[in-house]
Each structure stands twice: as structure tokens, then as C-alpha cells.
């Protein structure tokens, strides 16, 4: 997961789930659905950032409940790294990465 500040006042989500993750569109769409649902639940708690989630090949074989638990852990890491929204904005090309 990568993120950077935005000036919109709310968090936005971007997804990158390539064919490398799974050849089957059904599996890639399942991962996207789970990510969107998880984001929807925590969106109001997140600071004003643009998030980019890039799935890895291992995500395709993980059961939904376990994948949701790992995603929730990433949201918690993001909130721990960003305690407040009063920090100055970063340059547009400056991003921060959070990994599992």
C-alpha cells in the first residue's frame, strides 16, 4: 500500500490488481470487492490521503476472512503512522509505502 496527502479533505482508494495476481478475473474482482468494502468501513477514520493498494500473487489463495483481517491491519498501520492531519502536505511525487 502506498499513500500520499491530498487536498480534498477525504481519503481516496486506488487499486492495482494485475493478471500476475490471478489469471482469473473472478478472483481479481473478489480481491477488489474485499478491498473496497474494507475501505468503505474505515474511510471516515482515515486522514485526507490518496491510497494505492497493489495486491501480490499470494492474495489470490487467501480466504476472504483472512484477507480482510490483513487489510484491517494495514489500515491500523496507516492510522498509527498518521496520528493527525495537521502535518504539512508532501510534494506530489513523494509517497510512503506500508507493507504487510
N, C-alpha and C. Protein backbone atom coordinates (compact mmCIF):
# COMPACT_ATOMS: atom_id res chain seq x y z
N UNK A 1 0.85 -1.17 0.00
CA UNK A 1 0.00 0.00 0.00
C UNK A 1 0.90 1.23 0.00
N UNK A 2 0.57 2.17 -0.85
CA UNK A 2 1.26 3.46 -0.88
C UNK A 2 0.23 4.54 -0.63
N UNK A 3 0.69 5.63 -0.05
CA UNK A 3 -0.24 6.74 0.18
C UNK A 3 0.51 8.06 0.10
N UNK A 4 -0.26 9.11 -0.17
CA UNK A 4 0.26 10.47 -0.11
C UNK A 4 -0.90 11.39 0.21
N UNK A 5 -0.58 12.54 0.77
CA UNK A 5 -1.60 13.51 1.15
C UNK A 5 -2.34 14.03 -0.07
N UNK A 6 -3.59 14.38 0.15
CA UNK A 6 -4.34 15.08 -0.89
C UNK A 6 -5.00 16.31 -0.27
N UNK A 7 -5.49 17.18 -1.09
CA UNK A 7 -6.09 18.43 -0.60
C UNK A 7 -7.62 18.38 -0.64
N UNK A 8 -8.19 17.21 -0.80
CA UNK A 8 -9.64 17.08 -0.96
C UNK A 8 -10.40 17.00 0.36
N UNK A 9 -9.72 16.68 1.44
CA UNK A 9 -10.39 16.59 2.73
C UNK A 9 -10.94 15.21 3.03
N UNK A 10 -10.74 14.23 2.16
CA UNK A 10 -11.18 12.86 2.42
C UNK A 10 -10.24 11.88 1.72
N UNK A 11 -10.27 10.65 2.18
CA UNK A 11 -9.39 9.61 1.62
C UNK A 11 -9.98 9.07 0.31
N UNK A 12 -9.08 8.69 -0.59
CA UNK A 12 -9.49 8.04 -1.85
C UNK A 12 -8.69 6.76 -2.00
N UNK A 13 -9.28 5.80 -2.71
CA UNK A 13 -8.68 4.48 -2.88
C UNK A 13 -8.43 4.20 -4.35
N UNK A 14 -7.23 3.69 -4.64
CA UNK A 14 -6.90 3.22 -5.97
C UNK A 14 -6.44 1.77 -5.86
N UNK A 15 -6.81 0.94 -6.82
CA UNK A 15 -6.49 -0.48 -6.78
C UNK A 15 -5.69 -0.89 -8.00
N UNK A 16 -4.69 -1.73 -7.79
CA UNK A 16 -3.90 -2.29 -8.88
C UNK A 16 -3.81 -3.80 -8.65
N UNK A 17 -4.66 -4.53 -9.34
CA UNK A 17 -4.70 -5.99 -9.22
C UNK A 17 -4.43 -6.55 -10.61
N UNK A 18 -3.21 -6.94 -10.86
CA UNK A 18 -2.83 -7.36 -12.21
C UNK A 18 -3.13 -8.83 -12.46
N UNK A 19 -2.96 -9.23 -13.71
CA UNK A 19 -3.14 -10.64 -14.06
C UNK A 19 -2.09 -11.53 -13.42
N UNK A 20 -1.01 -10.94 -12.97
CA UNK A 20 0.01 -11.71 -12.27
C UNK A 20 -0.54 -12.27 -10.96
N UNK A 21 -1.46 -11.53 -10.34
CA UNK A 21 -2.07 -11.98 -9.09
C UNK A 21 -2.90 -13.23 -9.34
N UNK A 22 -3.71 -13.21 -10.38
CA UNK A 22 -4.52 -14.36 -10.77
C UNK A 22 -4.93 -14.19 -12.22
N UNK A 23 -4.88 -15.26 -12.95
CA UNK A 23 -5.31 -15.22 -14.35
C UNK A 23 -6.82 -15.08 -14.45
N UNK A 24 -7.51 -15.48 -13.39
CA UNK A 24 -8.98 -15.49 -13.41
C UNK A 24 -9.53 -14.13 -12.96
N UNK A 25 -10.34 -13.52 -13.80
CA UNK A 25 -10.95 -12.22 -13.48
C UNK A 25 -11.83 -12.32 -12.24
N UNK A 26 -12.47 -13.47 -12.05
CA UNK A 26 -13.34 -13.66 -10.89
C UNK A 26 -12.54 -13.48 -9.60
N UNK A 27 -11.35 -14.04 -9.56
CA UNK A 27 -10.51 -13.93 -8.37
C UNK A 27 -10.01 -12.51 -8.16
N UNK A 28 -9.59 -11.85 -9.23
CA UNK A 28 -9.14 -10.46 -9.11
C UNK A 28 -10.28 -9.56 -8.64
N UNK A 29 -11.47 -9.77 -9.16
CA UNK A 29 -12.63 -8.98 -8.76
C UNK A 29 -13.02 -9.23 -7.31
N UNK A 30 -12.84 -10.46 -6.83
CA UNK A 30 -13.11 -10.78 -5.42
C UNK A 30 -12.19 -9.98 -4.51
N UNK A 31 -10.92 -9.91 -4.88
CA UNK A 31 -9.95 -9.14 -4.09
C UNK A 31 -10.33 -7.67 -4.09
N UNK A 32 -10.70 -7.14 -5.24
CA UNK A 32 -11.11 -5.73 -5.33
C UNK A 32 -12.34 -5.45 -4.48
N UNK A 33 -13.31 -6.37 -4.54
CA UNK A 33 -14.53 -6.21 -3.75
C UNK A 33 -14.23 -6.15 -2.26
N UNK A 34 -13.35 -7.05 -1.81
CA UNK A 34 -12.99 -7.07 -0.39
C UNK A 34 -12.25 -5.80 0.02
N UNK A 35 -11.36 -5.33 -0.84
CA UNK A 35 -10.63 -4.09 -0.55
C UNK A 35 -11.56 -2.90 -0.47
N UNK A 36 -12.48 -2.80 -1.43
CA UNK A 36 -13.43 -1.67 -1.43
C UNK A 36 -14.32 -1.69 -0.19
N UNK A 37 -14.78 -2.87 0.19
CA UNK A 37 -15.66 -2.98 1.36
C UNK A 37 -14.90 -2.60 2.63
N UNK A 38 -13.68 -3.06 2.76
CA UNK A 38 -12.88 -2.73 3.92
C UNK A 38 -12.61 -1.22 3.98
N UNK A 39 -12.29 -0.63 2.84
CA UNK A 39 -12.04 0.81 2.77
C UNK A 39 -13.30 1.59 3.14
N UNK A 40 -14.44 1.14 2.65
CA UNK A 40 -15.70 1.82 2.95
C UNK A 40 -15.95 1.90 4.46
N UNK A 41 -15.58 0.83 5.18
CA UNK A 41 -15.81 0.79 6.62
C UNK A 41 -14.90 1.73 7.41
N UNK A 42 -13.68 1.98 6.91
CA UNK A 42 -12.73 2.81 7.68
C UNK A 42 -12.50 4.18 7.07
N UNK A 43 -13.16 4.47 5.99
CA UNK A 43 -12.92 5.72 5.25
C UNK A 43 -13.05 6.96 6.13
N UNK A 44 -14.05 6.98 6.99
CA UNK A 44 -14.29 8.16 7.83
C UNK A 44 -13.19 8.35 8.88
N UNK A 45 -12.42 7.31 9.21
CA UNK A 45 -11.34 7.41 10.19
C UNK A 45 -10.01 7.83 9.57
N UNK A 46 -9.88 7.65 8.27
CA UNK A 46 -8.61 7.90 7.59
C UNK A 46 -8.39 9.39 7.35
N UNK A 47 -7.12 9.81 7.36
CA UNK A 47 -6.82 11.20 7.02
C UNK A 47 -7.01 11.43 5.52
N UNK A 48 -6.88 12.66 5.09
CA UNK A 48 -7.05 13.02 3.68
C UNK A 48 -5.82 12.56 2.89
N UNK A 49 -5.87 11.33 2.41
CA UNK A 49 -4.76 10.76 1.64
C UNK A 49 -5.30 10.03 0.41
N UNK A 50 -4.45 9.92 -0.60
CA UNK A 50 -4.72 9.06 -1.74
C UNK A 50 -4.00 7.75 -1.47
N UNK A 51 -4.75 6.65 -1.46
CA UNK A 51 -4.19 5.33 -1.19
C UNK A 51 -4.12 4.51 -2.47
N UNK A 52 -3.04 3.79 -2.63
CA UNK A 52 -2.90 2.89 -3.76
C UNK A 52 -2.55 1.52 -3.20
N UNK A 53 -3.44 0.56 -3.40
CA UNK A 53 -3.22 -0.80 -2.91
C UNK A 53 -2.86 -1.67 -4.10
N UNK A 54 -1.73 -2.34 -3.98
CA UNK A 54 -1.25 -3.24 -5.03
C UNK A 54 -1.21 -4.65 -4.46
N UNK A 55 -2.02 -5.54 -4.99
CA UNK A 55 -2.08 -6.90 -4.48
C UNK A 55 -0.91 -7.72 -4.99
N UNK A 56 -0.49 -8.67 -4.19
CA UNK A 56 0.57 -9.59 -4.58
C UNK A 56 -0.05 -10.94 -4.96
N UNK A 57 0.75 -11.79 -5.56
CA UNK A 57 0.27 -13.08 -6.04
C UNK A 57 -0.33 -13.93 -4.93
N UNK A 58 0.20 -13.82 -3.71
CA UNK A 58 -0.28 -14.62 -2.59
C UNK A 58 -1.72 -14.27 -2.21
N UNK A 59 -2.20 -13.11 -2.57
CA UNK A 59 -3.54 -12.68 -2.19
C UNK A 59 -4.62 -13.54 -2.83
N UNK A 60 -4.34 -14.14 -3.97
CA UNK A 60 -5.36 -14.91 -4.68
C UNK A 60 -5.76 -16.17 -3.91
N UNK A 61 -4.85 -16.77 -3.18
CA UNK A 61 -5.16 -18.02 -2.49
C UNK A 61 -5.64 -17.85 -1.06
N UNK A 62 -5.72 -16.61 -0.59
CA UNK A 62 -6.08 -16.36 0.80
C UNK A 62 -7.61 -16.30 0.94
N UNK A 63 -8.17 -16.99 1.97
CA UNK A 63 -9.62 -16.91 2.21
C UNK A 63 -10.04 -15.47 2.52
N UNK A 64 -11.28 -15.14 2.24
CA UNK A 64 -11.78 -13.78 2.40
C UNK A 64 -11.63 -13.21 3.79
N UNK A 65 -11.93 -14.01 4.81
CA UNK A 65 -11.84 -13.50 6.18
C UNK A 65 -10.40 -13.18 6.56
N UNK A 66 -9.47 -14.00 6.12
CA UNK A 66 -8.06 -13.74 6.41
C UNK A 66 -7.56 -12.52 5.66
N UNK A 67 -8.00 -12.36 4.41
CA UNK A 67 -7.61 -11.20 3.62
C UNK A 67 -8.15 -9.91 4.25
N UNK A 68 -9.39 -9.94 4.71
CA UNK A 68 -9.96 -8.77 5.39
C UNK A 68 -9.19 -8.44 6.66
N UNK A 69 -8.77 -9.46 7.41
CA UNK A 69 -8.01 -9.22 8.63
C UNK A 69 -6.67 -8.56 8.30
N UNK A 70 -6.01 -9.00 7.23
CA UNK A 70 -4.74 -8.39 6.84
C UNK A 70 -4.93 -6.96 6.36
N UNK A 71 -6.00 -6.71 5.63
CA UNK A 71 -6.29 -5.35 5.16
C UNK A 71 -6.57 -4.44 6.35
N UNK A 72 -7.34 -4.93 7.31
CA UNK A 72 -7.63 -4.14 8.51
C UNK A 72 -6.34 -3.80 9.25
N UNK A 73 -5.40 -4.73 9.26
CA UNK A 73 -4.10 -4.47 9.88
C UNK A 73 -3.35 -3.35 9.16
N UNK A 74 -3.48 -3.29 7.83
CA UNK A 74 -2.84 -2.22 7.06
C UNK A 74 -3.47 -0.87 7.39
N UNK A 75 -4.80 -0.84 7.54
CA UNK A 75 -5.46 0.43 7.91
C UNK A 75 -4.96 0.89 9.27
N UNK A 76 -4.79 -0.06 10.21
CA UNK A 76 -4.31 0.31 11.55
C UNK A 76 -2.90 0.86 11.49
N UNK A 77 -2.05 0.25 10.63
CA UNK A 77 -0.69 0.77 10.47
C UNK A 77 -0.72 2.18 9.90
N UNK A 78 -1.60 2.41 8.95
CA UNK A 78 -1.71 3.74 8.36
C UNK A 78 -2.13 4.76 9.41
N UNK A 79 -3.11 4.40 10.21
CA UNK A 79 -3.57 5.32 11.26
C UNK A 79 -2.48 5.55 12.31
N UNK A 80 -1.68 4.54 12.60
CA UNK A 80 -0.58 4.69 13.56
C UNK A 80 0.52 5.60 13.00
N UNK A 81 0.76 5.50 11.70
CA UNK A 81 1.78 6.35 11.07
C UNK A 81 1.31 7.78 10.91
N UNK A 82 0.01 8.00 10.89
CA UNK A 82 -0.57 9.32 10.65
C UNK A 82 -1.49 9.70 11.79
N UNK A 83 -0.97 10.05 12.96
CA UNK A 83 -1.84 10.34 14.10
C UNK A 83 -2.74 11.55 13.90
N UNK A 84 -2.30 12.54 13.11
CA UNK A 84 -3.12 13.73 12.91
C UNK A 84 -3.06 14.19 11.48
N UNK A 85 -3.95 15.08 11.12
CA UNK A 85 -3.95 15.58 9.76
C UNK A 85 -3.32 16.97 9.69
N UNK A 86 -2.66 17.40 10.77
CA UNK A 86 -2.09 18.73 10.78
C UNK A 86 -0.68 18.78 10.18
N UNK A 87 -0.16 17.65 9.71
CA UNK A 87 1.16 17.63 9.11
C UNK A 87 1.13 18.38 7.78
N UNK A 88 2.24 19.00 7.40
CA UNK A 88 2.27 19.70 6.11
C UNK A 88 2.16 18.72 4.95
N UNK A 89 1.63 19.19 3.84
CA UNK A 89 1.50 18.35 2.66
C UNK A 89 2.86 18.03 2.07
N UNK A 90 2.99 16.84 1.52
CA UNK A 90 4.23 16.43 0.86
C UNK A 90 4.19 16.86 -0.59
N UNK A 91 5.34 16.83 -1.23
CA UNK A 91 5.37 17.07 -2.66
C UNK A 91 4.51 16.02 -3.35
N UNK A 92 3.99 16.36 -4.51
CA UNK A 92 3.08 15.47 -5.23
C UNK A 92 3.74 14.15 -5.61
N UNK A 93 5.05 14.13 -5.84
CA UNK A 93 5.71 12.89 -6.24
C UNK A 93 6.25 12.11 -5.05
N UNK A 94 6.03 12.58 -3.85
CA UNK A 94 6.53 11.91 -2.65
C UNK A 94 5.46 10.99 -2.10
N UNK A 95 5.75 9.69 -2.02
CA UNK A 95 4.80 8.74 -1.50
C UNK A 95 5.43 7.96 -0.36
N UNK A 96 4.60 7.34 0.46
CA UNK A 96 5.04 6.50 1.55
C UNK A 96 4.45 5.12 1.34
N UNK A 97 5.22 4.09 1.63
CA UNK A 97 4.79 2.72 1.42
C UNK A 97 4.58 2.02 2.76
N UNK A 98 3.49 1.27 2.86
CA UNK A 98 3.23 0.41 4.01
C UNK A 98 3.14 -1.01 3.48
N UNK A 99 3.88 -1.92 4.07
CA UNK A 99 3.84 -3.31 3.63
C UNK A 99 3.37 -4.18 4.77
N UNK A 100 2.90 -5.35 4.43
CA UNK A 100 2.38 -6.29 5.39
C UNK A 100 3.42 -6.76 6.31
